[in-house]
């Protein structure tokens, strides 16, 4: 028979909150308990481990050591696992409830994420959702820190402590205004380089597109840069140039109403891979349900409609 744990769930929660909030006072506010109780729990955890896990400074509050950060992440996973066990025991076939926090890669997720979330919320009125536009590194950091429950990200090394599943491979395509000389069929990168280029200036997207041309020794003239897909599409529609993107929306019009053509790229190049990620450990029910919805959508025809393939 194993010995009972010497740390309470309350102590683990207080330590994890202190790491997440960066101070004992912040953790006390987040947990709605006295700061003295948080401090006692932090001391208890450090005494149990036998090492200092937090660096305390007057100016900057509290910063975790690497061991402290990893322990806080494991505590959060354990606490969520306990919550999931209790939630499953209570819920059975009951509806989902609580708060689901999703970090997403902005150039692609708006094309499909709302269409999955809204029916889920209608079927589960007690479930509320927060959506955060964030780059891959920021999304992974938020997941490990407990600020996010699920992330959609692309083209980045996966950090320890995160479980991922592949959603889609997104090949690049060419966006052109209607009537453009190239707006007739598959387009080669060499042909695009002869025209002005509108660049989506986002982490992942910008280095990906830049590398496509650089690897072929091409140097297109960058006519404009924009950090949103909507602005890139409007610039292309207005005649600023062509763009290379990786997922098309379900419209062939820009925000300004200009017609656009999505053309396959004739060059054989590697796609961007879109992943769904969650923290290690047993996920809470809302996370598991949402992940299953995403995987089901990715394997179906509605996902394929958003991809401009070479043979399309």
C-alpha atoms as a PDB file:
ATOM      1  CA  UNK A   1       0.000   0.000   0.000  1.00  0.00           C
ATOM      2  CA  UNK A   2       1.426   3.377  -1.019  1.00  0.00           C
ATOM      3  CA  UNK A   3       1.754   6.205   1.480  1.00  0.00           C
ATOM      4  CA  UNK A   4      -0.823   8.995   1.167  1.00  0.00           C
ATOM      5  CA  UNK A   5       0.460  12.183  -0.510  1.00  0.00           C
ATOM      6  CA  UNK A   6       1.951  14.670   1.938  1.00  0.00           C
ATOM      7  CA  UNK A   7       1.010  17.690  -0.197  1.00  0.00           C
ATOM      8  CA  UNK A   8      -2.640  18.695  -0.427  1.00  0.00           C
ATOM      9  CA  UNK A   9      -4.292  19.679  -3.681  1.00  0.00           C
ATOM     10  CA  UNK A  10      -4.738  23.133  -2.124  1.00  0.00           C
ATOM     11  CA  UNK A  11      -0.972  23.467  -1.633  1.00  0.00           C
ATOM     12  CA  UNK A  12      -0.293  22.366  -5.213  1.00  0.00           C
ATOM     13  CA  UNK A  13      -2.860  24.844  -6.516  1.00  0.00           C
ATOM     14  CA  UNK A  14      -1.316  27.675  -4.482  1.00  0.00           C
ATOM     15  CA  UNK A  15       2.187  26.901  -5.738  1.00  0.00           C
ATOM     16  CA  UNK A  16       1.042  26.647  -9.372  1.00  0.00           C
ATOM     17  CA  UNK A  17      -0.903  29.918  -9.083  1.00  0.00           C
ATOM     18  CA  UNK A  18       2.133  31.678  -7.582  1.00  0.00           C
ATOM     19  CA  UNK A  19       4.262  30.620 -10.555  1.00  0.00           C
ATOM     20  CA  UNK A  20       1.540  31.660 -13.015  1.00  0.00           C
ATOM     21  CA  UNK A  21       0.806  35.031 -11.368  1.00  0.00           C
ATOM     22  CA  UNK A  22       4.409  35.900 -10.528  1.00  0.00           C
ATOM     23  CA  UNK A  23       3.656  36.831  -6.915  1.00  0.00           C
ATOM     24  CA  UNK A  24       2.065  35.528  -3.749  1.00  0.00           C
ATOM     25  CA  UNK A  25      -0.347  38.463  -3.702  1.00  0.00           C
ATOM     26  CA  UNK A  26      -1.433  37.711  -7.280  1.00  0.00           C
ATOM     27  CA  UNK A  27      -1.948  34.043  -6.463  1.00  0.00           C
ATOM     28  CA  UNK A  28      -4.000  34.981  -3.397  1.00  0.00           C
ATOM     29  CA  UNK A  29      -6.259  37.179  -5.539  1.00  0.00           C
ATOM     30  CA  UNK A  30      -6.617  34.503  -8.208  1.00  0.00           C
ATOM     31  CA  UNK A  31      -7.532  31.829  -5.640  1.00  0.00           C
ATOM     32  CA  UNK A  32      -9.493  34.183  -3.376  1.00  0.00           C
ATOM     33  CA  UNK A  33      -7.600  33.109  -0.266  1.00  0.00           C
ATOM     34  CA  UNK A  34      -5.298  34.888   2.166  1.00  0.00           C
ATOM     35  CA  UNK A  35      -1.738  35.681   1.050  1.00  0.00           C
ATOM     36  CA  UNK A  36      -0.453  34.048   4.245  1.00  0.00           C
ATOM     37  CA  UNK A  37      -2.120  30.767   3.208  1.00  0.00           C
ATOM     38  CA  UNK A  38      -0.438  30.947  -0.211  1.00  0.00           C
ATOM     39  CA  UNK A  39       2.954  31.680   1.374  1.00  0.00           C
ATOM     40  CA  UNK A  40       2.544  28.746   3.759  1.00  0.00           C
ATOM     41  CA  UNK A  41       1.681  26.430   0.867  1.00  0.00           C
ATOM     42  CA  UNK A  42       4.727  27.581  -1.130  1.00  0.00           C
ATOM     43  CA  UNK A  43       6.957  26.963   1.893  1.00  0.00           C
ATOM     44  CA  UNK A  44       5.389  23.522   2.333  1.00  0.00           C
ATOM     45  CA  UNK A  45       6.098  22.569  -1.292  1.00  0.00           C
ATOM     46  CA  UNK A  46       9.712  23.737  -1.092  1.00  0.00           C
ATOM     47  CA  UNK A  47      10.191  21.896   2.201  1.00  0.00           C
ATOM     48  CA  UNK A  48       8.750  18.723   0.725  1.00  0.00           C
ATOM     49  CA  UNK A  49      10.996  18.929  -2.352  1.00  0.00           C
ATOM     50  CA  UNK A  50      14.010  20.016  -0.321  1.00  0.00           C
ATOM     51  CA  UNK A  51      15.040  22.825  -2.637  1.00  0.00           C
ATOM     52  CA  UNK A  52      14.302  26.478  -3.341  1.00  0.00           C
ATOM     53  CA  UNK A  53      11.892  26.539  -6.285  1.00  0.00           C
ATOM     54  CA  UNK A  54      11.180  30.268  -6.435  1.00  0.00           C
ATOM     55  CA  UNK A  55      13.555  33.216  -6.689  1.00  0.00           C
ATOM     56  CA  UNK A  56      12.224  36.125  -4.629  1.00  0.00           C
ATOM     57  CA  UNK A  57      13.179  39.726  -5.480  1.00  0.00           C
ATOM     58  CA  UNK A  58      11.804  43.012  -4.204  1.00  0.00           C
ATOM     59  CA  UNK A  59      11.561  44.652  -7.633  1.00  0.00           C
ATOM     60  CA  UNK A  60      10.275  41.800  -9.785  1.00  0.00           C
ATOM     61  CA  UNK A  61       8.293  39.647  -7.376  1.00  0.00           C
ATOM     62  CA  UNK A  62       8.747  35.918  -7.761  1.00  0.00           C
ATOM     63  CA  UNK A  63      10.308  33.960 -10.619  1.00  0.00           C
ATOM     64  CA  UNK A  64      10.417  30.149 -10.704  1.00  0.00           C
ATOM     65  CA  UNK A  65      13.576  28.158 -11.172  1.00  0.00           C
ATOM     66  CA  UNK A  66      13.470  25.705 -14.070  1.00  0.00           C
ATOM     67  CA  UNK A  67      12.634  22.936 -11.593  1.00  0.00           C
ATOM     68  CA  UNK A  68       9.909  25.134 -10.087  1.00  0.00           C
ATOM     69  CA  UNK A  69       8.384  25.875 -13.488  1.00  0.00           C
ATOM     70  CA  UNK A  70       8.312  22.196 -14.414  1.00  0.00           C
ATOM     71  CA  UNK A  71       6.838  21.223 -11.030  1.00  0.00           C
ATOM     72  CA  UNK A  72       4.115  23.883 -11.381  1.00  0.00           C
ATOM     73  CA  UNK A  73       3.228  22.523 -14.825  1.00  0.00           C
ATOM     74  CA  UNK A  74       2.970  18.997 -13.418  1.00  0.00           C
ATOM     75  CA  UNK A  75       0.850  20.248 -10.513  1.00  0.00           C
ATOM     76  CA  UNK A  76      -1.513  21.944 -12.975  1.00  0.00           C
ATOM     77  CA  UNK A  77      -1.812  18.738 -14.990  1.00  0.00           C
ATOM     78  CA  UNK A  78      -2.529  16.753 -11.822  1.00  0.00           C
ATOM     79  CA  UNK A  79      -5.128  19.284 -10.645  1.00  0.00           C
ATOM     80  CA  UNK A  80      -6.837  19.230 -14.049  1.00  0.00           C
ATOM     81  CA  UNK A  81      -6.789  15.428 -13.956  1.00  0.00           C
ATOM     82  CA  UNK A  82      -8.517  15.493 -10.563  1.00  0.00           C
ATOM     83  CA  UNK A  83     -11.051  18.009 -11.897  1.00  0.00           C
ATOM     84  CA  UNK A  84     -11.709  15.771 -14.897  1.00  0.00           C
ATOM     85  CA  UNK A  85     -12.295  12.727 -12.716  1.00  0.00           C
ATOM     86  CA  UNK A  86     -14.786  14.633 -10.585  1.00  0.00           C
ATOM     87  CA  UNK A  87     -16.364  16.239 -13.648  1.00  0.00           C
ATOM     88  CA  UNK A  88     -16.844  12.863 -15.320  1.00  0.00           C
ATOM     89  CA  UNK A  89     -18.297  11.420 -12.120  1.00  0.00           C
ATOM     90  CA  UNK A  90     -20.791  14.298 -11.852  1.00  0.00           C
ATOM     91  CA  UNK A  91     -21.582  14.759 -15.442  1.00  0.00           C
ATOM     92  CA  UNK A  92     -22.121  11.394 -17.041  1.00  0.00           C
ATOM     93  CA  UNK A  93     -24.126  12.463 -20.042  1.00  0.00           C
ATOM     94  CA  UNK A  94     -24.583  16.016 -18.741  1.00  0.00           C
ATOM     95  CA  UNK A  95     -23.636  19.052 -20.766  1.00  0.00           C
ATOM     96  CA  UNK A  96     -20.229  20.723 -20.717  1.00  0.00           C
ATOM     97  CA  UNK A  97     -19.668  23.781 -18.571  1.00  0.00           C
ATOM     98  CA  UNK A  98     -16.899  26.092 -17.472  1.00  0.00           C
ATOM     99  CA  UNK A  99     -14.389  28.125 -19.447  1.00  0.00           C
ATOM    100  CA  UNK A 100     -12.521  26.849 -22.530  1.00  0.00           C
ATOM    101  CA  UNK A 101      -9.504  28.961 -23.506  1.00  0.00           C
ATOM    102  CA  UNK A 102      -8.138  28.446 -27.036  1.00  0.00           C
ATOM    103  CA  UNK A 103      -5.019  29.992 -28.550  1.00  0.00           C
ATOM    104  CA  UNK A 104      -5.093  30.025 -32.333  1.00  0.00           C
ATOM    105  CA  UNK A 105      -2.998  30.818 -35.412  1.00  0.00           C
ATOM    106  CA  UNK A 106      -4.816  33.805 -36.892  1.00  0.00           C
ATOM    107  CA  UNK A 107      -4.128  33.331 -40.626  1.00  0.00           C
ATOM    108  CA  UNK A 108      -6.099  30.061 -40.716  1.00  0.00           C
ATOM    109  CA  UNK A 109      -8.322  29.454 -37.667  1.00  0.00           C
ATOM    110  CA  UNK A 110     -11.077  32.040 -38.390  1.00  0.00           C
ATOM    111  CA  UNK A 111     -12.019  30.047 -41.489  1.00  0.00           C
ATOM    112  CA  UNK A 112     -13.289  27.108 -39.421  1.00  0.00           C
ATOM    113  CA  UNK A 113     -13.035  27.565 -35.647  1.00  0.00           C
ATOM    114  CA  UNK A 114     -16.244  29.605 -35.093  1.00  0.00           C
ATOM    115  CA  UNK A 115     -18.245  27.088 -37.126  1.00  0.00           C
ATOM    116  CA  UNK A 116     -17.188  24.348 -34.698  1.00  0.00           C
ATOM    117  CA  UNK A 117     -17.472  26.342 -31.492  1.00  0.00           C
ATOM    118  CA  UNK A 118     -20.918  27.903 -31.890  1.00  0.00           C
ATOM    119  CA  UNK A 119     -22.844  24.603 -32.275  1.00  0.00           C
ATOM    120  CA  UNK A 120     -20.872  23.256 -29.297  1.00  0.00           C
ATOM    121  CA  UNK A 121     -21.902  26.230 -27.172  1.00  0.00           C
ATOM    122  CA  UNK A 122     -25.536  26.005 -28.270  1.00  0.00           C
ATOM    123  CA  UNK A 123     -25.592  22.390 -27.132  1.00  0.00           C
ATOM    124  CA  UNK A 124     -23.800  23.334 -23.891  1.00  0.00           C
ATOM    125  CA  UNK A 125     -25.124  26.703 -22.648  1.00  0.00           C
ATOM    126  CA  UNK A 126     -22.903  26.566 -19.567  1.00  0.00           C
ATOM    127  CA  UNK A 127     -19.713  26.573 -21.653  1.00  0.00           C
ATOM    128  CA  UNK A 128     -18.050  29.911 -22.366  1.00  0.00           C
ATOM    129  CA  UNK A 129     -15.059  30.351 -24.653  1.00  0.00           C
ATOM    130  CA  UNK A 130     -12.097  32.722 -24.892  1.00  0.00           C
ATOM    131  CA  UNK A 131     -10.129  32.908 -28.158  1.00  0.00           C
ATOM    132  CA  UNK A 132      -6.615  34.361 -28.238  1.00  0.00           C
ATOM    133  CA  UNK A 133      -4.643  35.155 -31.390  1.00  0.00           C
ATOM    134  CA  UNK A 134      -1.053  34.147 -30.647  1.00  0.00           C
ATOM    135  CA  UNK A 135       2.107  32.988 -32.371  1.00  0.00           C
ATOM    136  CA  UNK A 136       3.337  29.430 -31.835  1.00  0.00           C
ATOM    137  CA  UNK A 137       5.853  30.213 -29.070  1.00  0.00           C
ATOM    138  CA  UNK A 138       3.344  32.377 -27.199  1.00  0.00           C
ATOM    139  CA  UNK A 139       0.641  29.732 -27.573  1.00  0.00           C
ATOM    140  CA  UNK A 140       2.850  26.959 -26.196  1.00  0.00           C
ATOM    141  CA  UNK A 141       4.003  29.123 -23.300  1.00  0.00           C
ATOM    142  CA  UNK A 142       0.380  29.946 -22.473  1.00  0.00           C
ATOM    143  CA  UNK A 143      -0.574  26.283 -22.546  1.00  0.00           C
ATOM    144  CA  UNK A 144       2.270  25.246 -20.226  1.00  0.00           C
ATOM    145  CA  UNK A 145       1.544  28.158 -17.877  1.00  0.00           C
ATOM    146  CA  UNK A 146      -2.114  27.158 -17.604  1.00  0.00           C
ATOM    147  CA  UNK A 147      -3.444  30.293 -19.335  1.00  0.00           C
ATOM    148  CA  UNK A 148      -4.724  28.276 -22.316  1.00  0.00           C
ATOM    149  CA  UNK A 149      -6.460  24.901 -22.539  1.00  0.00           C
ATOM    150  CA  UNK A 150      -5.994  24.102 -26.229  1.00  0.00           C
ATOM    151  CA  UNK A 151      -3.863  25.621 -28.977  1.00  0.00           C
ATOM    152  CA  UNK A 152      -3.827  25.613 -32.774  1.00  0.00           C
ATOM    153  CA  UNK A 153      -0.370  26.388 -34.095  1.00  0.00           C
ATOM    154  CA  UNK A 154       1.917  25.784 -37.042  1.00  0.00           C
ATOM    155  CA  UNK A 155       5.525  25.169 -38.002  1.00  0.00           C
ATOM    156  CA  UNK A 156       7.261  25.278 -34.629  1.00  0.00           C
ATOM    157  CA  UNK A 157       9.232  22.826 -32.474  1.00  0.00           C
ATOM    158  CA  UNK A 158       6.907  21.306 -29.884  1.00  0.00           C
ATOM    159  CA  UNK A 159       7.913  21.914 -26.275  1.00  0.00           C
ATOM    160  CA  UNK A 160       8.133  19.181 -23.665  1.00  0.00           C
ATOM    161  CA  UNK A 161       4.889  18.735 -21.790  1.00  0.00           C
ATOM    162  CA  UNK A 162       2.635  19.300 -24.833  1.00  0.00           C
ATOM    163  CA  UNK A 163       0.721  16.562 -26.666  1.00  0.00           C
ATOM    164  CA  UNK A 164      -0.072  17.341 -30.318  1.00  0.00           C
ATOM    165  CA  UNK A 165      -2.145  15.885 -33.140  1.00  0.00           C
ATOM    166  CA  UNK A 166      -1.804  16.853 -36.795  1.00  0.00           C
ATOM    167  CA  UNK A 167      -4.859  18.586 -38.208  1.00  0.00           C
ATOM    168  CA  UNK A 168      -3.971  19.623 -41.747  1.00  0.00           C
ATOM    169  CA  UNK A 169      -1.110  20.015 -44.196  1.00  0.00           C
ATOM    170  CA  UNK A 170      -1.595  23.405 -45.853  1.00  0.00           C
ATOM    171  CA  UNK A 171       0.141  23.789 -49.226  1.00  0.00           C
ATOM    172  CA  UNK A 172       0.781  27.340 -50.441  1.00  0.00           C
ATOM    173  CA  UNK A 173      -1.384  28.949 -53.115  1.00  0.00           C
ATOM    174  CA  UNK A 174      -1.336  32.193 -55.068  1.00  0.00           C
ATOM    175  CA  UNK A 175      -3.895  34.930 -54.457  1.00  0.00           C
ATOM    176  CA  UNK A 176      -4.479  37.209 -57.459  1.00  0.00           C
ATOM    177  CA  UNK A 177      -7.018  39.885 -58.368  1.00  0.00           C
ATOM    178  CA  UNK A 178      -9.572  38.905 -60.982  1.00  0.00           C
ATOM    179  CA  UNK A 179      -8.329  39.783 -64.445  1.00  0.00           C
ATOM    180  CA  UNK A 180      -4.651  39.409 -63.555  1.00  0.00           C
ATOM    181  CA  UNK A 181      -2.579  37.837 -66.372  1.00  0.00           C
ATOM    182  CA  UNK A 182      -1.668  34.866 -64.125  1.00  0.00           C
ATOM    183  CA  UNK A 183      -5.232  34.274 -62.868  1.00  0.00           C
ATOM    184  CA  UNK A 184      -5.896  31.321 -65.164  1.00  0.00           C
ATOM    185  CA  UNK A 185      -4.423  28.210 -63.578  1.00  0.00           C
ATOM    186  CA  UNK A 186      -1.426  26.786 -61.710  1.00  0.00           C
ATOM    187  CA  UNK A 187       1.297  29.394 -61.176  1.00  0.00           C
ATOM    188  CA  UNK A 188       5.046  28.941 -60.733  1.00  0.00           C
ATOM    189  CA  UNK A 189       7.079  30.849 -58.166  1.00  0.00           C
ATOM    190  CA  UNK A 190       9.305  32.116 -60.976  1.00  0.00           C
ATOM    191  CA  UNK A 191       6.248  33.710 -62.623  1.00  0.00           C
ATOM    192  CA  UNK A 192       5.137  35.284 -59.337  1.00  0.00           C
ATOM    193  CA  UNK A 193       8.598  36.815 -58.808  1.00  0.00           C
ATOM    194  CA  UNK A 194       8.105  38.923 -61.938  1.00  0.00           C
ATOM    195  CA  UNK A 195       5.192  40.741 -60.237  1.00  0.00           C
ATOM    196  CA  UNK A 196       4.901  42.815 -57.043  1.00  0.00           C
ATOM    197  CA  UNK A 197       4.282  40.714 -53.927  1.00  0.00           C
ATOM    198  CA  UNK A 198       2.055  41.447 -50.934  1.00  0.00           C
ATOM    199  CA  UNK A 199       3.569  39.685 -47.919  1.00  0.00           C
ATOM    200  CA  UNK A 200       1.659  38.381 -44.904  1.00  0.00           C
ATOM    201  CA  UNK A 201       4.027  39.633 -42.205  1.00  0.00           C
ATOM    202  CA  UNK A 202       3.365  37.092 -39.431  1.00  0.00           C
ATOM    203  CA  UNK A 203       5.610  34.615 -37.611  1.00  0.00           C
ATOM    204  CA  UNK A 204       5.510  31.329 -39.606  1.00  0.00           C
ATOM    205  CA  UNK A 205       3.914  32.916 -42.710  1.00  0.00           C
ATOM    206  CA  UNK A 206       6.596  35.507 -43.533  1.00  0.00           C
ATOM    207  CA  UNK A 207       9.676  33.253 -43.150  1.00  0.00           C
ATOM    208  CA  UNK A 208       7.870  30.413 -44.918  1.00  0.00           C
ATOM    209  CA  UNK A 209       7.029  32.467 -48.027  1.00  0.00           C
ATOM    210  CA  UNK A 210      10.414  34.217 -48.043  1.00  0.00           C
ATOM    211  CA  UNK A 211      12.161  30.819 -47.994  1.00  0.00           C
ATOM    212  CA  UNK A 212      10.083  29.542 -50.943  1.00  0.00           C
ATOM    213  CA  UNK A 213      11.561  32.237 -53.187  1.00  0.00           C
ATOM    214  CA  UNK A 214      15.043  32.262 -51.637  1.00  0.00           C
ATOM    215  CA  UNK A 215      15.473  28.515 -52.155  1.00  0.00           C
ATOM    216  CA  UNK A 216      14.958  29.036 -55.900  1.00  0.00           C
ATOM    217  CA  UNK A 217      17.272  32.052 -56.040  1.00  0.00           C
ATOM    218  CA  UNK A 218      14.331  34.408 -56.594  1.00  0.00           C
ATOM    219  CA  UNK A 219      13.904  37.875 -55.089  1.00  0.00           C
ATOM    220  CA  UNK A 220      10.413  39.295 -55.743  1.00  0.00           C
ATOM    221  CA  UNK A 221       9.764  42.975 -55.082  1.00  0.00           C
ATOM    222  CA  UNK A 222       7.772  43.358 -51.867  1.00  0.00           C
ATOM    223  CA  UNK A 223       5.149  45.965 -52.711  1.00  0.00           C
ATOM    224  CA  UNK A 224       3.384  45.862 -49.328  1.00  0.00           C
ATOM    225  CA  UNK A 225       3.404  44.079 -45.992  1.00  0.00           C
ATOM    226  CA  UNK A 226       0.410  43.481 -43.717  1.00  0.00           C
ATOM    227  CA  UNK A 227       0.025  41.450 -40.531  1.00  0.00           C
ATOM    228  CA  UNK A 228      -3.555  40.275 -41.137  1.00  0.00           C
ATOM    229  CA  UNK A 229      -4.923  38.027 -43.849  1.00  0.00           C
ATOM    230  CA  UNK A 230      -7.865  40.396 -44.324  1.00  0.00           C
ATOM    231  CA  UNK A 231      -5.559  43.317 -45.198  1.00  0.00           C
ATOM    232  CA  UNK A 232      -3.456  41.150 -47.520  1.00  0.00           C
ATOM    233  CA  UNK A 233      -6.593  40.100 -49.392  1.00  0.00           C
ATOM    234  CA  UNK A 234      -7.800  43.699 -49.665  1.00  0.00           C
ATOM    235  CA  UNK A 235      -4.417  44.874 -50.947  1.00  0.00           C
ATOM    236  CA  UNK A 236      -4.366  42.112 -53.559  1.00  0.00           C
ATOM    237  CA  UNK A 237      -7.946  42.896 -54.574  1.00  0.00           C
ATOM    238  CA  UNK A 238      -7.053  46.566 -54.990  1.00  0.00           C
ATOM    239  CA  UNK A 239      -4.190  45.667 -57.344  1.00  0.00           C
ATOM    240  CA  UNK A 240      -1.139  46.039 -55.080  1.00  0.00           C
ATOM    241  CA  UNK A 241       0.284  42.698 -56.192  1.00  0.00           C
ATOM    242  CA  UNK A 242       0.051  38.932 -55.723  1.00  0.00           C
ATOM    243  CA  UNK A 243       0.236  37.042 -52.426  1.00  0.00           C
ATOM    244  CA  UNK A 244       1.225  33.531 -51.364  1.00  0.00           C
ATOM    245  CA  UNK A 245      -0.984  32.138 -48.589  1.00  0.00           C
ATOM    246  CA  UNK A 246      -1.818  28.705 -47.135  1.00  0.00           C
ATOM    247  CA  UNK A 247      -5.556  28.532 -46.431  1.00  0.00           C
ATOM    248  CA  UNK A 248      -8.380  30.183 -48.295  1.00  0.00           C
ATOM    249  CA  UNK A 249     -11.565  31.448 -46.652  1.00  0.00           C
ATOM    250  CA  UNK A 250     -15.025  30.551 -47.944  1.00  0.00           C
ATOM    251  CA  UNK A 251     -15.298  33.730 -49.986  1.00  0.00           C
ATOM    252  CA  UNK A 252     -13.743  34.971 -53.214  1.00  0.00           C
ATOM    253  CA  UNK A 253     -14.154  38.637 -52.247  1.00  0.00           C
ATOM    254  CA  UNK A 254     -11.974  41.002 -50.249  1.00  0.00           C
ATOM    255  CA  UNK A 255     -13.304  43.190 -47.435  1.00  0.00           C
ATOM    256  CA  UNK A 256     -13.618  45.950 -50.018  1.00  0.00           C
ATOM    257  CA  UNK A 257     -15.695  43.714 -52.313  1.00  0.00           C
ATOM    258  CA  UNK A 258     -13.013  43.138 -54.952  1.00  0.00           C
ATOM    259  CA  UNK A 259     -12.958  39.742 -56.697  1.00  0.00           C
ATOM    260  CA  UNK A 260     -10.070  37.398 -55.955  1.00  0.00           C
ATOM    261  CA  UNK A 261      -8.741  34.172 -57.487  1.00  0.00           C
ATOM    262  CA  UNK A 262      -7.034  31.415 -55.474  1.00  0.00           C
ATOM    263  CA  UNK A 263      -4.620  29.579 -57.774  1.00  0.00           C
ATOM    264  CA  UNK A 264      -2.612  26.422 -57.046  1.00  0.00           C
ATOM    265  CA  UNK A 265       1.149  26.680 -57.013  1.00  0.00           C
ATOM    266  CA  UNK A 266       2.785  24.471 -59.637  1.00  0.00           C
ATOM    267  CA  UNK A 267       6.088  24.124 -57.732  1.00  0.00           C
ATOM    268  CA  UNK A 268       6.388  21.100 -55.446  1.00  0.00           C
ATOM    269  CA  UNK A 269       7.130  22.548 -52.003  1.00  0.00           C
ATOM    270  CA  UNK A 270       6.579  21.485 -48.399  1.00  0.00           C
ATOM    271  CA  UNK A 271       3.295  22.616 -46.803  1.00  0.00           C
ATOM    272  CA  UNK A 272       2.753  24.288 -43.455  1.00  0.00           C
ATOM    273  CA  UNK A 273       1.401  21.771 -40.933  1.00  0.00           C
ATOM    274  CA  UNK A 274      -1.360  22.863 -38.586  1.00  0.00           C
ATOM    275  CA  UNK A 275      -1.341  21.136 -35.174  1.00  0.00           C
ATOM    276  CA  UNK A 276      -3.706  21.001 -32.223  1.00  0.00           C
ATOM    277  CA  UNK A 277      -1.991  20.819 -28.845  1.00  0.00           C
ATOM    278  CA  UNK A 278      -2.908  20.356 -25.186  1.00  0.00           C
ATOM    279  CA  UNK A 279      -0.962  19.846 -21.975  1.00  0.00           C
ATOM    280  CA  UNK A 280       0.118  16.334 -20.998  1.00  0.00           C
ATOM    281  CA  UNK A 281      -2.153  14.432 -18.661  1.00  0.00           C
ATOM    282  CA  UNK A 282      -5.827  13.657 -18.786  1.00  0.00           C
ATOM    283  CA  UNK A 283      -7.632  16.634 -20.384  1.00  0.00           C
ATOM    284  CA  UNK A 284     -10.801  18.101 -18.957  1.00  0.00           C
ATOM    285  CA  UNK A 285     -13.926  17.070 -20.855  1.00  0.00           C
ATOM    286  CA  UNK A 286     -14.354  20.315 -22.793  1.00  0.00           C
ATOM    287  CA  UNK A 287     -10.766  20.066 -24.102  1.00  0.00           C
ATOM    288  CA  UNK A 288     -11.210  16.423 -25.146  1.00  0.00           C
ATOM    289  CA  UNK A 289     -14.533  17.173 -26.867  1.00  0.00           C
ATOM    290  CA  UNK A 290     -13.119  20.190 -28.713  1.00  0.00           C
ATOM    291  CA  UNK A 291     -10.050  18.256 -29.843  1.00  0.00           C
ATOM    292  CA  UNK A 292     -12.264  15.471 -31.197  1.00  0.00           C
ATOM    293  CA  UNK A 293     -14.385  18.044 -33.057  1.00  0.00           C
ATOM    294  CA  UNK A 294     -11.266  19.513 -34.655  1.00  0.00           C
ATOM    295  CA  UNK A 295      -9.904  16.113 -35.679  1.00  0.00           C
ATOM    296  CA  UNK A 296     -13.270  15.090 -37.124  1.00  0.00           C
ATOM    297  CA  UNK A 297     -13.538  18.338 -39.075  1.00  0.00           C
ATOM    298  CA  UNK A 298      -9.968  18.008 -40.403  1.00  0.00           C
ATOM    299  CA  UNK A 299     -10.714  14.577 -41.874  1.00  0.00           C
ATOM    300  CA  UNK A 300     -13.842  15.720 -43.686  1.00  0.00           C
ATOM    301  CA  UNK A 301     -14.742  17.555 -46.908  1.00  0.00           C
ATOM    302  CA  UNK A 302     -15.272  20.970 -45.290  1.00  0.00           C
ATOM    303  CA  UNK A 303     -11.593  21.084 -44.348  1.00  0.00           C
ATOM    304  CA  UNK A 304     -10.508  20.056 -47.842  1.00  0.00           C
ATOM    305  CA  UNK A 305     -12.552  22.930 -49.292  1.00  0.00           C
ATOM    306  CA  UNK A 306     -10.153  25.381 -47.617  1.00  0.00           C
ATOM    307  CA  UNK A 307      -7.047  23.882 -49.254  1.00  0.00           C
ATOM    308  CA  UNK A 308      -5.865  24.908 -52.710  1.00  0.00           C
ATOM    309  CA  UNK A 309      -3.978  21.822 -53.865  1.00  0.00           C
ATOM    310  CA  UNK A 310      -1.737  21.454 -56.919  1.00  0.00           C
ATOM    311  CA  UNK A 311      -4.244  19.105 -58.548  1.00  0.00           C
ATOM    312  CA  UNK A 312      -7.300  21.295 -57.758  1.00  0.00           C
END
